Amino acid sequence: MKIAILGSRGIPVSYGGFETLAEELSARLVTRGHEVAVYCCGPYSGTSEESYKGVKRIVLPTIRTKVLEKPVYAFLSLFSSSAKNFDIILMLGISVSPLCFIPRLAGKKVIINIDGLEWQRKKWGAVVSGLLRYEERLAGVTADLVVTDSRWVQSYYLKRYGKDSVYIAYGTDLIDYPAGTALRKYGLSRNGYFLYVSRFEPENNPLLVREAYDEIRNPAKKLVMVGDAPYAGSYIEKVKDTKNPDIVFTGYLFGDAYRELLSNAYCYIQATEVGGTHPALVEAMGAGRCVLANDVPGHREVLRDAGIYFKGREDLAAKLRELMAAGPMIEEKAGMARKIATDEYTWEKITDEYEQIFKKVLKGIGN
């Protein structure tokens, strides 16, 4: 099969979940004998190489504003891929779903991964949020198939729009990196810190996490906050407005440094409140970490009894205090989380599922 993956900022990964999905999925599909291209957004493309891990890179420009950056780039990618000889177009996100009939007119099969409920994000105003809900609905009309990355989003999409979708979760590697360069750089020790990883945006609650930790006197564990965000300068200033010497801000981290911090964390904090199966969550499970999670349906679905849950800042602060001296329970929950990741969320399993739906769509089988 000849497959194009659109909608991520590109590969090699240097941003977030869709980018990791594009890289992990495309590289594995290439090893299985498929021809794969990933569209890459120029401002985020750190290399001029035409291919990466056997995957063709197609770099396109965009307009650098919060509202226009993603849809303009997705629009250009859609028209470019429509003119090429791809069999399958996998669109990550809904930003140009009303136009996804165009590659279908050119004989391509189009699959849209709607990525949770984008319209719920706090950074969008009423107009943009309304547009995103419209695009969410249109995905089920213009695409050959819709993919949802969690069961509860799948159920929501069916109930709200009367449209079936295929559930395929996000994947993870099973990782275990020894303490090394990254821990030394940030003055950390194995099991000596809580780890938070996410874009610093309101619906991901980095401010809540930082404020909850600041309530703890003489903490036995540090807090490491990995992340940043474009177009969110004033909010990020609030997140970092602390003099607490036990909080470490690293900015974005990827690759070995990120995996090292994840593998050696005492406990991982998942504070997001919007979306389906969160990439960083399943990665923490794949690293065998205990997870302290915001009590929302998506997290309950993934973690089940392996998670420890909080509701609000005061509850988070209380749970952090309790967990600092809860070694045996931490180990038990970590083992449960690792088993779920091993059974359900490996990248090989996720690649199998995408490959199967690609074949079905090409044969005209599916929703």
Protein backbone atom coordinates (compact mmCIF):
# COMPACT_ATOMS: atom_id res chain seq x y z
CA MET A 1 0.00 0.00 0.00
CA LYS A 2 0.98 3.62 -0.58
CA ILE A 3 0.06 5.60 2.50
CA ALA A 4 0.21 9.31 3.35
CA ILE A 5 -0.03 10.54 6.94
CA LEU A 6 -1.23 14.14 7.29
CA GLY A 7 -2.05 16.46 10.16
CA SER A 8 0.98 16.04 12.42
CA ARG A 9 3.76 18.60 12.53
CA GLY A 10 6.02 15.93 11.09
CA ILE A 11 8.93 13.62 11.76
CA PRO A 12 11.37 13.24 13.46
CA VAL A 13 9.10 13.90 16.43
CA SER A 14 9.69 17.28 18.07
CA TYR A 15 6.31 18.26 19.47
CA GLY A 16 3.61 15.91 20.77
CA GLY A 17 1.22 12.99 20.46
CA PHE A 18 0.23 13.13 16.79
CA GLU A 19 3.87 13.52 15.85
CA THR A 20 4.85 10.44 17.83
CA LEU A 21 1.96 8.50 16.29
CA ALA A 22 3.08 9.56 12.79
CA GLU A 23 6.67 8.48 13.43
CA GLU A 24 6.00 5.20 15.22
CA LEU A 25 3.26 4.09 12.81
CA SER A 26 4.98 5.13 9.59
CA ALA A 27 8.32 3.54 10.44
CA ARG A 28 6.67 0.24 11.34
CA LEU A 29 4.54 0.23 8.20
CA VAL A 30 7.69 0.70 6.10
CA THR A 31 9.28 -2.37 7.70
CA ARG A 32 6.16 -4.30 6.65
CA GLY A 33 6.72 -3.42 3.01
CA HIS A 34 4.45 -0.39 2.56
CA GLU A 35 5.42 2.94 0.97
CA VAL A 36 4.73 5.71 3.48
CA ALA A 37 5.03 9.50 3.37
CA VAL A 38 4.56 11.84 6.32
CA TYR A 39 3.73 15.49 5.67
CA CYS A 40 5.88 17.84 7.76
CA CYS A 41 5.20 21.44 8.77
CA GLY A 42 8.12 23.67 7.73
CA PRO A 43 8.50 25.76 10.93
CA TYR A 44 8.75 22.56 13.02
CA SER A 45 10.98 20.64 10.61
CA GLY A 46 14.44 20.49 12.10
CA THR A 47 16.04 18.64 9.20
CA SER A 48 16.19 18.91 5.42
CA GLU A 49 16.44 15.15 4.94
CA GLU A 50 14.03 13.76 2.34
CA SER A 51 13.42 10.59 4.35
CA TYR A 52 13.58 9.38 7.93
CA LYS A 53 13.59 5.73 8.99
CA GLY A 54 12.64 4.83 5.43
CA VAL A 55 9.64 7.19 5.48
CA LYS A 56 9.41 9.96 2.87
CA ARG A 57 9.16 13.48 4.32
CA ILE A 58 7.10 16.08 2.42
CA VAL A 59 7.67 19.53 3.92
CA LEU A 60 5.10 22.30 3.44
CA PRO A 61 4.78 25.87 4.79
CA THR A 62 2.05 27.43 6.92
CA ILE A 63 0.97 30.71 8.53
CA ARG A 64 2.33 31.13 12.05
CA THR A 65 -0.71 32.08 14.11
CA LYS A 66 -2.52 30.07 16.80
CA VAL A 67 -5.76 29.76 14.83
CA LEU A 68 -4.45 29.45 11.25
CA GLU A 69 -1.24 27.45 11.62
CA LYS A 70 -2.76 23.98 11.71
CA PRO A 71 -5.66 24.37 9.22
CA VAL A 72 -3.54 26.16 6.57
CA TYR A 73 -0.88 23.47 6.75
CA ALA A 74 -3.50 20.69 6.72
CA PHE A 75 -5.23 22.33 3.73
CA LEU A 76 -1.98 22.42 1.73
CA SER A 77 -1.19 18.83 2.72
CA LEU A 78 -4.63 17.66 1.63
CA PHE A 79 -4.35 19.15 -1.83
CA SER A 80 -0.78 17.95 -2.29
CA SER A 81 -1.65 14.38 -1.32
CA SER A 82 -4.71 14.42 -3.58
CA ALA A 83 -2.44 14.94 -6.59
CA LYS A 84 -0.08 12.07 -5.71
CA ASN A 85 -0.49 8.33 -6.17
CA PHE A 86 -1.39 7.35 -2.61
CA ASP A 87 -3.91 4.61 -1.88
CA ILE A 88 -4.68 5.71 1.69
CA ILE A 89 -4.65 9.12 3.34
CA LEU A 90 -4.64 9.09 7.15
CA MET A 91 -5.61 12.55 8.39
CA LEU A 92 -4.68 13.21 12.02
CA GLY A 93 -7.20 15.73 13.32
CA ILE A 94 -10.36 17.36 12.04
CA SER A 95 -9.15 20.81 10.96
CA VAL A 96 -9.89 20.24 7.24
CA SER A 97 -12.49 17.49 7.50
CA PRO A 98 -15.02 19.43 5.35
CA LEU A 99 -12.55 19.16 2.44
CA CYS A 100 -11.65 15.49 2.83
CA PHE A 101 -14.01 14.58 0.00
CA ILE A 102 -11.43 16.05 -2.42
CA PRO A 103 -8.87 13.20 -2.25
CA ARG A 104 -11.78 10.76 -2.43
CA LEU A 105 -12.75 12.32 -5.76
CA ALA A 106 -9.19 11.60 -6.85
CA GLY A 107 -9.64 7.91 -5.97
CA LYS A 108 -7.97 7.89 -2.54
CA LYS A 109 -9.41 6.36 0.61
CA VAL A 110 -9.52 8.80 3.53
CA ILE A 111 -9.40 7.92 7.23
CA ILE A 112 -9.68 10.66 9.87
CA ASN A 113 -8.44 10.25 13.44
CA ILE A 114 -10.55 12.82 15.29
CA ASP A 115 -8.29 12.94 18.40
CA GLY A 116 -10.70 13.32 21.29
CA LEU A 117 -12.90 16.40 21.52
CA GLU A 118 -10.77 19.27 20.26
CA TRP A 119 -13.58 21.82 20.68
CA GLN A 120 -13.47 21.43 24.47
CA ARG A 121 -10.00 22.94 24.79
CA LYS A 122 -10.01 26.11 26.86
CA LYS A 123 -7.69 27.97 24.50
CA TRP A 124 -10.42 28.27 21.88
CA GLY A 125 -13.08 30.96 21.95
CA ALA A 126 -16.74 30.35 21.16
CA VAL A 127 -16.35 30.86 17.40
CA VAL A 128 -13.42 28.48 16.96
CA SER A 129 -15.00 25.94 19.32
CA GLY A 130 -18.19 25.99 17.26
CA LEU A 131 -16.22 25.53 14.05
CA LEU A 132 -14.38 22.56 15.54
CA ARG A 133 -17.68 20.89 16.49
CA TYR A 134 -18.84 21.36 12.91
CA GLU A 135 -15.60 19.83 11.62
CA GLU A 136 -15.96 16.97 14.09
CA ARG A 137 -19.40 16.16 12.70
CA LEU A 138 -18.25 16.49 9.06
CA ALA A 139 -15.47 13.94 9.62
CA GLY A 140 -18.09 11.21 9.67
CA VAL A 141 -19.50 12.44 6.35
CA THR A 142 -16.45 13.21 4.22
CA ALA A 143 -14.13 10.36 5.28
CA ASP A 144 -14.33 6.69 4.38
CA LEU A 145 -13.69 5.86 8.03
CA VAL A 146 -13.35 7.66 11.36
CA VAL A 147 -10.90 6.49 14.04
CA THR A 148 -11.40 7.35 17.71
CA ASP A 149 -8.62 6.71 20.21
CA SER A 150 -10.78 5.83 23.21
CA ARG A 151 -13.96 3.88 23.85
CA TRP A 152 -15.74 6.79 25.51
CA VAL A 153 -15.03 9.10 22.55
CA GLN A 154 -16.23 6.32 20.25
CA SER A 155 -19.46 6.12 22.27
CA TYR A 156 -19.83 9.92 22.24
CA TYR A 157 -19.40 10.08 18.46
CA LEU A 158 -22.03 7.41 17.87
CA LYS A 159 -24.51 8.95 20.30
CA ARG A 160 -24.09 12.54 19.10
CA TYR A 161 -23.78 12.02 15.34
CA GLY A 162 -25.14 8.52 14.76
CA LYS A 163 -21.83 7.53 13.19
CA ASP A 164 -19.82 4.42 13.92
CA SER A 165 -16.06 4.74 14.28
CA VAL A 166 -13.18 2.33 14.72
CA TYR A 167 -11.42 2.38 18.08
CA ILE A 168 -7.62 2.35 17.87
CA ALA A 169 -5.76 3.60 20.93
CA TYR A 170 -2.44 5.36 21.16
CA GLY A 171 0.65 3.20 21.53
CA THR A 172 3.79 2.98 23.64
CA ASP A 173 7.12 1.27 23.82
CA LEU A 174 8.00 -0.76 26.90
CA ILE A 175 10.94 1.23 28.16
CA ASP A 176 13.41 1.06 31.03
CA TYR A 177 16.28 3.57 30.79
CA PRO A 178 18.93 3.65 33.52
CA ALA A 179 19.63 6.89 35.38
CA GLY A 180 22.24 8.86 33.49
CA THR A 181 22.94 12.16 31.74
CA ALA A 182 19.46 13.67 31.94
CA LEU A 183 19.06 13.03 35.68
CA ARG A 184 22.51 14.48 36.37
CA LYS A 185 21.71 17.56 34.28
CA TYR A 186 18.64 18.37 36.37
CA GLY A 187 20.03 17.29 39.73
CA LEU A 188 17.66 14.33 40.10
CA SER A 189 17.90 10.81 41.49
CA ARG A 190 15.97 7.65 40.64
CA ASN A 191 12.55 7.60 42.36
CA GLY A 192 13.28 11.06 43.73
CA TYR A 193 10.64 13.04 41.82
CA PHE A 194 7.09 13.22 40.53
CA LEU A 195 6.94 13.77 36.78
CA TYR A 196 4.41 15.84 34.86
CA VAL A 197 4.55 15.89 31.02
CA SER A 198 2.23 17.90 28.78
CA ARG A 199 1.86 21.05 26.72
CA PHE A 200 1.48 23.96 29.13
CA GLU A 201 -2.12 24.79 28.22
CA PRO A 202 -5.08 25.33 30.60
CA GLU A 203 -6.94 22.07 29.85
CA ASN A 204 -3.77 20.14 30.72
CA ASN A 205 -3.68 21.80 34.18
CA PRO A 206 0.04 22.47 34.67
CA LEU A 207 -0.86 25.46 36.86
CA LEU A 208 -3.05 23.29 39.09
CA VAL A 209 -0.21 20.76 39.45
CA ARG A 210 2.36 23.41 40.31
CA GLU A 211 0.05 25.11 42.83
CA ALA A 212 -0.87 21.80 44.48
CA TYR A 213 2.80 20.91 44.88
CA ASP A 214 3.57 24.37 46.28
CA GLU A 215 1.16 23.63 49.15
CA ILE A 216 3.41 20.83 50.43
CA ARG A 217 5.98 21.81 53.04
CA ASN A 218 9.34 20.08 53.00
CA PRO A 219 8.42 17.60 50.23
CA ALA A 220 10.29 14.32 50.18
CA LYS A 221 10.17 14.22 46.38
CA LYS A 222 10.80 16.89 43.77
CA LEU A 223 8.41 17.85 40.97
CA VAL A 224 9.68 17.79 37.39
CA MET A 225 7.51 19.54 34.79
CA VAL A 226 8.28 18.72 31.16
CA GLY A 227 6.58 20.80 28.49
CA ASP A 228 5.96 24.17 26.90
CA ALA A 229 3.47 25.54 24.36
CA PRO A 230 3.43 27.93 21.41
CA TYR A 231 1.18 31.01 21.68
CA ALA A 232 0.70 30.60 25.46
CA GLY A 233 3.34 32.93 26.90
CA SER A 234 1.25 34.63 29.57
CA TYR A 235 -0.18 31.35 30.87
CA ILE A 236 3.26 29.74 30.97
CA GLU A 237 4.52 32.70 33.02
CA LYS A 238 1.81 31.91 35.60
CA VAL A 239 2.80 28.24 35.66
CA LYS A 240 6.44 29.14 36.28
CA ASP A 241 5.69 31.89 38.82
CA THR A 242 7.15 30.06 41.80
CA LYS A 243 10.29 30.28 43.87
CA ASN A 244 10.05 26.66 44.96
CA PRO A 245 13.55 25.14 44.60
CA ASP A 246 12.09 21.63 44.41
CA ILE A 247 10.30 22.27 41.11
CA VAL A 248 12.28 21.66 37.92
CA PHE A 249 11.09 23.02 34.56
CA THR A 250 12.82 21.35 31.61
CA GLY A 251 10.93 22.71 28.60
CA TYR A 252 10.22 20.25 25.81
CA LEU A 253 12.08 16.94 25.99
CA PHE A 254 12.08 14.11 23.47
CA GLY A 255 14.02 10.97 22.72
CA ASP A 256 16.46 9.45 25.20
CA ALA A 257 16.33 12.34 27.70
CA TYR A 258 12.55 12.11 27.97
CA ARG A 259 12.60 8.33 28.29
CA GLU A 260 15.27 8.53 30.99
CA LEU A 261 13.22 10.94 33.09
CA LEU A 262 10.11 8.82 32.58
CA SER A 263 11.82 5.53 33.46
CA ASN A 264 13.24 6.86 36.72
CA ALA A 265 10.28 8.85 38.05
CA TYR A 266 8.73 7.87 41.39
CA CYS A 267 5.23 8.60 40.11
CA TYR A 268 3.74 10.16 36.99
CA ILE A 269 1.03 12.89 37.14
CA GLN A 270 -1.60 12.93 34.36
CA ALA A 271 -3.64 16.10 34.88
CA THR A 272 -5.33 16.53 31.49
CA GLU A 273 -9.10 16.90 31.31
CA VAL A 274 -9.80 16.86 27.53
CA GLY A 275 -9.10 14.17 24.94
CA GLY A 276 -9.12 10.43 24.49
CA THR A 277 -6.16 8.11 25.13
CA HIS A 278 -3.35 10.48 26.06
CA PRO A 279 0.08 9.66 24.61
CA ALA A 280 2.06 10.59 27.72
CA LEU A 281 -0.23 8.49 29.89
CA VAL A 282 0.29 5.23 28.00
CA GLU A 283 4.01 6.00 27.73
CA ALA A 284 4.19 6.30 31.52
CA MET A 285 2.42 2.95 31.79
CA GLY A 286 4.84 1.45 29.28
CA ALA A 287 7.68 2.66 31.48
CA GLY A 288 6.13 0.90 34.47
CA ARG A 289 5.30 4.04 36.42
CA CYS A 290 2.58 4.50 38.99
CA VAL A 291 0.12 7.11 37.66
CA LEU A 292 -1.70 9.79 39.66
CA ALA A 293 -4.45 10.89 37.28
CA ASN A 294 -7.16 13.52 37.06
CA ASP A 295 -10.44 11.68 37.59
CA VAL A 296 -11.99 11.92 34.09
CA PRO A 297 -13.51 9.15 31.92
CA GLY A 298 -10.59 8.86 29.50
CA HIS A 299 -8.09 8.19 32.27
CA ARG A 300 -10.38 5.71 34.04
CA GLU A 301 -10.80 3.82 30.78
CA VAL A 302 -7.07 3.41 30.25
CA LEU A 303 -5.83 2.95 33.82
CA ARG A 304 -8.72 1.15 35.51
CA ASP A 305 -7.61 -0.09 38.95
CA ALA A 306 -3.97 0.66 38.15
CA GLY A 307 -4.54 4.38 38.62
CA ILE A 308 -4.69 6.63 41.64
CA TYR A 309 -7.16 9.46 41.03
CA PHE A 310 -7.60 13.04 42.22
CA LYS A 311 -10.30 15.69 41.89
CA GLY A 312 -9.13 19.27 42.09
CA ARG A 313 -6.10 21.03 43.57
CA GLU A 314 -6.65 20.26 47.26
CA ASP A 315 -7.19 16.57 46.58
CA LEU A 316 -4.09 16.48 44.38
CA ALA A 317 -2.00 18.08 47.13
CA ALA A 318 -3.33 15.54 49.65
CA LYS A 319 -2.60 12.62 47.32
CA LEU A 320 0.93 13.89 46.68
CA ARG A 321 1.58 14.00 50.43
CA GLU A 322 0.24 10.48 50.90
CA LEU A 323 2.18 9.00 48.00
CA MET A 324 5.52 10.37 49.12
CA ALA A 325 5.60 7.63 51.77
CA ALA A 326 3.64 4.92 49.96
CA GLY A 327 6.41 2.82 48.45
CA PRO A 328 4.72 -0.65 48.35
CA MET A 329 1.50 0.72 46.85
CA ILE A 330 3.48 2.67 44.26
CA GLU A 331 5.23 -0.52 43.16
CA GLU A 332 1.96 -2.46 43.01
CA LYS A 333 0.19 0.16 40.88
CA ALA A 334 3.23 0.50 38.63
CA GLY A 335 3.22 -3.22 37.93
CA MET A 336 -0.48 -3.17 37.11
CA ALA A 337 0.00 -0.24 34.73
CA ARG A 338 2.89 -1.96 32.96
CA LYS A 339 0.82 -5.10 32.42
CA ILE A 340 -2.04 -3.13 30.83
CA ALA A 341 0.43 -1.40 28.51
CA THR A 342 2.02 -4.71 27.57
CA ASP A 343 -1.31 -6.37 26.83
CA GLU A 344 -3.11 -3.52 25.06
CA TYR A 345 -0.99 -0.55 24.04
CA THR A 346 2.23 -1.65 22.35
CA TRP A 347 3.08 0.07 19.07
CA GLU A 348 3.20 -3.27 17.26
CA LYS A 349 -0.41 -3.96 18.28
CA ILE A 350 -1.51 -0.46 17.26
CA THR A 351 0.28 -0.82 13.90
CA ASP A 352 -1.48 -4.16 13.34
CA GLU A 353 -4.83 -2.46 13.89
CA TYR A 354 -4.11 0.43 11.52
CA GLU A 355 -2.79 -1.94 8.86
CA GLN A 356 -5.96 -4.03 9.12
CA ILE A 357 -8.30 -1.07 8.66
CA PHE A 358 -6.23 0.21 5.73
CA LYS A 359 -6.69 -3.13 3.99
CA LYS A 360 -10.40 -3.25 4.79
CA VAL A 361 -11.02 0.27 3.50
CA LEU A 362 -9.20 -0.50 0.26
CA LYS A 363 -11.44 -3.53 -0.19
CA GLY A 364 -14.55 -1.48 0.56
CA ILE A 365 -15.15 -3.17 3.91
CA GLY A 366 -15.94 -1.09 6.97
CA ASN A 367 -18.14 1.72 8.21
